[in-house]
């Protein structure tokens, strides 16, 4: 079962990281490499240039949108995983008991530490004066 999962992940990574980007680049650059503009009339050359300009602008906007969406999904997934992990840790009975004990001890001793430090500070101020 683990070998199948591992193999599936390797194949998925190859498809996502190598195959699809190469295929997209080939599709997007094919016309630029094989297009012979000398065969077109002046009007068709202008139309081709206009089409290429529009294509570049649309592609640029779409790439920006895809990148924003991908970043948003990655960040949302990370935050969701972090929140789920935090939630699981908070609901752990041992963690809850340890936090309860620590909070009680900290609350009790914080007042004592503050009083003691204030007492030393007052004494230092009196001695300096």
C-alpha atoms as a PDB file:
ATOM      1  CA  UNK A   1       0.000   0.000   0.000  1.00  0.00           C
ATOM      2  CA  UNK A   2       2.824   2.408   0.879  1.00  0.00           C
ATOM      3  CA  UNK A   3       4.669   1.620  -2.369  1.00  0.00           C
ATOM      4  CA  UNK A   4       1.568   2.447  -4.413  1.00  0.00           C
ATOM      5  CA  UNK A   5       1.119   5.741  -2.578  1.00  0.00           C
ATOM      6  CA  UNK A   6       4.786   6.591  -3.073  1.00  0.00           C
ATOM      7  CA  UNK A   7       4.606   5.748  -6.778  1.00  0.00           C
ATOM      8  CA  UNK A   8       1.443   7.831  -7.179  1.00  0.00           C
ATOM      9  CA  UNK A   9       3.147  10.812  -5.519  1.00  0.00           C
ATOM     10  CA  UNK A  10       6.197  10.484  -7.784  1.00  0.00           C
ATOM     11  CA  UNK A  11       3.972  10.356 -10.877  1.00  0.00           C
ATOM     12  CA  UNK A  12       1.864  13.301  -9.680  1.00  0.00           C
ATOM     13  CA  UNK A  13       4.987  15.359  -8.965  1.00  0.00           C
ATOM     14  CA  UNK A  14       6.392  14.557 -12.409  1.00  0.00           C
ATOM     15  CA  UNK A  15       3.157  15.525 -14.130  1.00  0.00           C
ATOM     16  CA  UNK A  16       2.755  18.742 -12.121  1.00  0.00           C
ATOM     17  CA  UNK A  17       6.408  19.820 -12.119  1.00  0.00           C
ATOM     18  CA  UNK A  18       7.688  18.668 -15.516  1.00  0.00           C
ATOM     19  CA  UNK A  19       5.064  17.559 -17.997  1.00  0.00           C
ATOM     20  CA  UNK A  20       2.341  20.220 -17.658  1.00  0.00           C
ATOM     21  CA  UNK A  21       4.676  23.272 -17.562  1.00  0.00           C
ATOM     22  CA  UNK A  22       6.611  21.968 -20.593  1.00  0.00           C
ATOM     23  CA  UNK A  23       3.378  21.303 -22.467  1.00  0.00           C
ATOM     24  CA  UNK A  24       2.008  24.769 -21.669  1.00  0.00           C
ATOM     25  CA  UNK A  25       5.267  26.430 -22.752  1.00  0.00           C
ATOM     26  CA  UNK A  26       5.268  24.456 -25.992  1.00  0.00           C
ATOM     27  CA  UNK A  27       1.681  25.463 -26.743  1.00  0.00           C
ATOM     28  CA  UNK A  28       2.322  29.123 -25.951  1.00  0.00           C
ATOM     29  CA  UNK A  29       5.543  29.405 -27.942  1.00  0.00           C
ATOM     30  CA  UNK A  30       4.641  27.212 -30.934  1.00  0.00           C
ATOM     31  CA  UNK A  31       3.175  29.993 -33.057  1.00  0.00           C
ATOM     32  CA  UNK A  32       6.052  32.344 -32.365  1.00  0.00           C
ATOM     33  CA  UNK A  33       8.617  29.789 -33.498  1.00  0.00           C
ATOM     34  CA  UNK A  34       6.854  28.436 -36.589  1.00  0.00           C
ATOM     35  CA  UNK A  35       4.904  31.497 -37.737  1.00  0.00           C
ATOM     36  CA  UNK A  36       6.327  33.026 -40.916  1.00  0.00           C
ATOM     37  CA  UNK A  37       5.055  36.609 -41.090  1.00  0.00           C
ATOM     38  CA  UNK A  38       6.600  37.219 -44.509  1.00  0.00           C
ATOM     39  CA  UNK A  39       3.778  35.239 -46.085  1.00  0.00           C
ATOM     40  CA  UNK A  40       1.129  37.615 -44.698  1.00  0.00           C
ATOM     41  CA  UNK A  41      -0.135  40.779 -46.284  1.00  0.00           C
ATOM     42  CA  UNK A  42       0.523  44.069 -44.501  1.00  0.00           C
ATOM     43  CA  UNK A  43      -3.005  44.067 -43.112  1.00  0.00           C
ATOM     44  CA  UNK A  44      -2.636  40.511 -41.807  1.00  0.00           C
ATOM     45  CA  UNK A  45       0.730  41.375 -40.280  1.00  0.00           C
ATOM     46  CA  UNK A  46      -0.945  44.224 -38.355  1.00  0.00           C
ATOM     47  CA  UNK A  47      -3.758  41.908 -37.302  1.00  0.00           C
ATOM     48  CA  UNK A  48      -1.205  39.319 -36.204  1.00  0.00           C
ATOM     49  CA  UNK A  49       0.677  41.969 -34.199  1.00  0.00           C
ATOM     50  CA  UNK A  50      -2.579  43.141 -32.626  1.00  0.00           C
ATOM     51  CA  UNK A  51      -3.560  39.563 -31.825  1.00  0.00           C
ATOM     52  CA  UNK A  52      -0.142  38.946 -30.295  1.00  0.00           C
ATOM     53  CA  UNK A  53      -0.373  42.118 -28.182  1.00  0.00           C
ATOM     54  CA  UNK A  54      -3.817  41.174 -26.908  1.00  0.00           C
ATOM     55  CA  UNK A  55      -2.675  37.608 -26.303  1.00  0.00           C
ATOM     56  CA  UNK A  56       0.351  38.838 -24.323  1.00  0.00           C
ATOM     57  CA  UNK A  57      -1.773  41.182 -22.197  1.00  0.00           C
ATOM     58  CA  UNK A  58      -4.431  38.561 -21.510  1.00  0.00           C
ATOM     59  CA  UNK A  59      -1.801  35.948 -20.763  1.00  0.00           C
ATOM     60  CA  UNK A  60       0.009  38.319 -18.418  1.00  0.00           C
ATOM     61  CA  UNK A  61      -3.226  39.071 -16.530  1.00  0.00           C
ATOM     62  CA  UNK A  62      -4.199  35.422 -16.383  1.00  0.00           C
ATOM     63  CA  UNK A  63      -0.770  34.404 -15.088  1.00  0.00           C
ATOM     64  CA  UNK A  64      -1.055  37.057 -12.371  1.00  0.00           C
ATOM     65  CA  UNK A  65      -4.507  35.775 -11.422  1.00  0.00           C
ATOM     66  CA  UNK A  66      -3.346  32.167 -11.373  1.00  0.00           C
ATOM     67  CA  UNK A  67      -0.332  33.071  -9.233  1.00  0.00           C
ATOM     68  CA  UNK A  68      -2.502  35.008  -6.777  1.00  0.00           C
ATOM     69  CA  UNK A  69      -4.957  32.128  -6.591  1.00  0.00           C
ATOM     70  CA  UNK A  70      -2.156  29.593  -6.100  1.00  0.00           C
ATOM     71  CA  UNK A  71      -0.561  31.697  -3.368  1.00  0.00           C
ATOM     72  CA  UNK A  72      -3.912  32.162  -1.695  1.00  0.00           C
ATOM     73  CA  UNK A  73      -4.593  28.427  -1.777  1.00  0.00           C
ATOM     74  CA  UNK A  74      -1.131  27.593  -0.408  1.00  0.00           C
ATOM     75  CA  UNK A  75      -1.480  30.124   2.400  1.00  0.00           C
ATOM     76  CA  UNK A  76      -5.036  29.016   3.220  1.00  0.00           C
ATOM     77  CA  UNK A  77      -3.961  25.378   3.291  1.00  0.00           C
ATOM     78  CA  UNK A  78      -1.018  26.174   5.569  1.00  0.00           C
ATOM     79  CA  UNK A  79      -3.173  28.212   7.942  1.00  0.00           C
ATOM     80  CA  UNK A  80      -5.855  25.528   8.009  1.00  0.00           C
ATOM     81  CA  UNK A  81      -3.284  22.825   8.811  1.00  0.00           C
ATOM     82  CA  UNK A  82      -1.754  25.019  11.501  1.00  0.00           C
ATOM     83  CA  UNK A  83      -5.172  25.731  13.037  1.00  0.00           C
ATOM     84  CA  UNK A  84      -6.132  22.045  12.946  1.00  0.00           C
ATOM     85  CA  UNK A  85      -2.845  21.115  14.608  1.00  0.00           C
ATOM     86  CA  UNK A  86      -3.314  23.835  17.227  1.00  0.00           C
ATOM     87  CA  UNK A  87      -6.905  22.726  17.809  1.00  0.00           C
ATOM     88  CA  UNK A  88      -5.801  19.101  18.199  1.00  0.00           C
ATOM     89  CA  UNK A  89      -3.088  20.110  20.657  1.00  0.00           C
ATOM     90  CA  UNK A  90      -5.553  22.215  22.648  1.00  0.00           C
ATOM     91  CA  UNK A  91      -7.974  19.301  22.910  1.00  0.00           C
ATOM     92  CA  UNK A  92      -5.294  16.873  24.031  1.00  0.00           C
ATOM     93  CA  UNK A  93      -6.173  15.961  27.670  1.00  0.00           C
ATOM     94  CA  UNK A  94      -2.525  15.885  28.741  1.00  0.00           C
ATOM     95  CA  UNK A  95      -1.843  19.309  27.206  1.00  0.00           C
ATOM     96  CA  UNK A  96      -4.997  20.697  28.776  1.00  0.00           C
ATOM     97  CA  UNK A  97      -4.001  19.408  32.225  1.00  0.00           C
ATOM     98  CA  UNK A  98      -0.429  20.718  31.866  1.00  0.00           C
ATOM     99  CA  UNK A  99      -1.669  24.127  30.730  1.00  0.00           C
ATOM    100  CA  UNK A 100      -4.134  24.299  33.604  1.00  0.00           C
ATOM    101  CA  UNK A 101      -1.437  23.483  36.166  1.00  0.00           C
ATOM    102  CA  UNK A 102       1.047  25.898  34.597  1.00  0.00           C
ATOM    103  CA  UNK A 103      -1.489  28.707  34.423  1.00  0.00           C
ATOM    104  CA  UNK A 104      -2.351  28.244  38.091  1.00  0.00           C
ATOM    105  CA  UNK A 105       1.287  28.192  39.178  1.00  0.00           C
ATOM    106  CA  UNK A 106       2.169  31.172  37.001  1.00  0.00           C
ATOM    107  CA  UNK A 107      -0.789  33.206  38.262  1.00  0.00           C
ATOM    108  CA  UNK A 108       0.065  32.403  41.890  1.00  0.00           C
ATOM    109  CA  UNK A 109       3.773  33.129  41.660  1.00  0.00           C
ATOM    110  CA  UNK A 110       3.544  36.131  39.333  1.00  0.00           C
ATOM    111  CA  UNK A 111       2.043  38.250  42.091  1.00  0.00           C
ATOM    112  CA  UNK A 112       4.772  37.176  44.500  1.00  0.00           C
ATOM    113  CA  UNK A 113       7.529  37.918  41.986  1.00  0.00           C
ATOM    114  CA  UNK A 114       6.069  41.367  41.218  1.00  0.00           C
ATOM    115  CA  UNK A 115       5.758  42.222  44.921  1.00  0.00           C
ATOM    116  CA  UNK A 116       9.310  41.070  45.605  1.00  0.00           C
ATOM    117  CA  UNK A 117      10.763  43.008  42.675  1.00  0.00           C
ATOM    118  CA  UNK A 118       8.848  46.146  43.695  1.00  0.00           C
ATOM    119  CA  UNK A 119      10.134  45.778  47.261  1.00  0.00           C
ATOM    120  CA  UNK A 120      13.764  45.574  46.022  1.00  0.00           C
ATOM    121  CA  UNK A 121      13.219  48.520  43.694  1.00  0.00           C
ATOM    122  CA  UNK A 122      11.802  50.656  46.503  1.00  0.00           C
ATOM    123  CA  UNK A 123      14.687  49.681  48.767  1.00  0.00           C
ATOM    124  CA  UNK A 124      17.213  50.559  46.049  1.00  0.00           C
ATOM    125  CA  UNK A 125      15.527  53.920  45.518  1.00  0.00           C
ATOM    126  CA  UNK A 126      15.608  54.671  49.265  1.00  0.00           C
ATOM    127  CA  UNK A 127      19.273  53.706  49.500  1.00  0.00           C
ATOM    128  CA  UNK A 128      20.198  55.871  46.535  1.00  0.00           C
ATOM    129  CA  UNK A 129      18.434  58.913  47.969  1.00  0.00           C
END
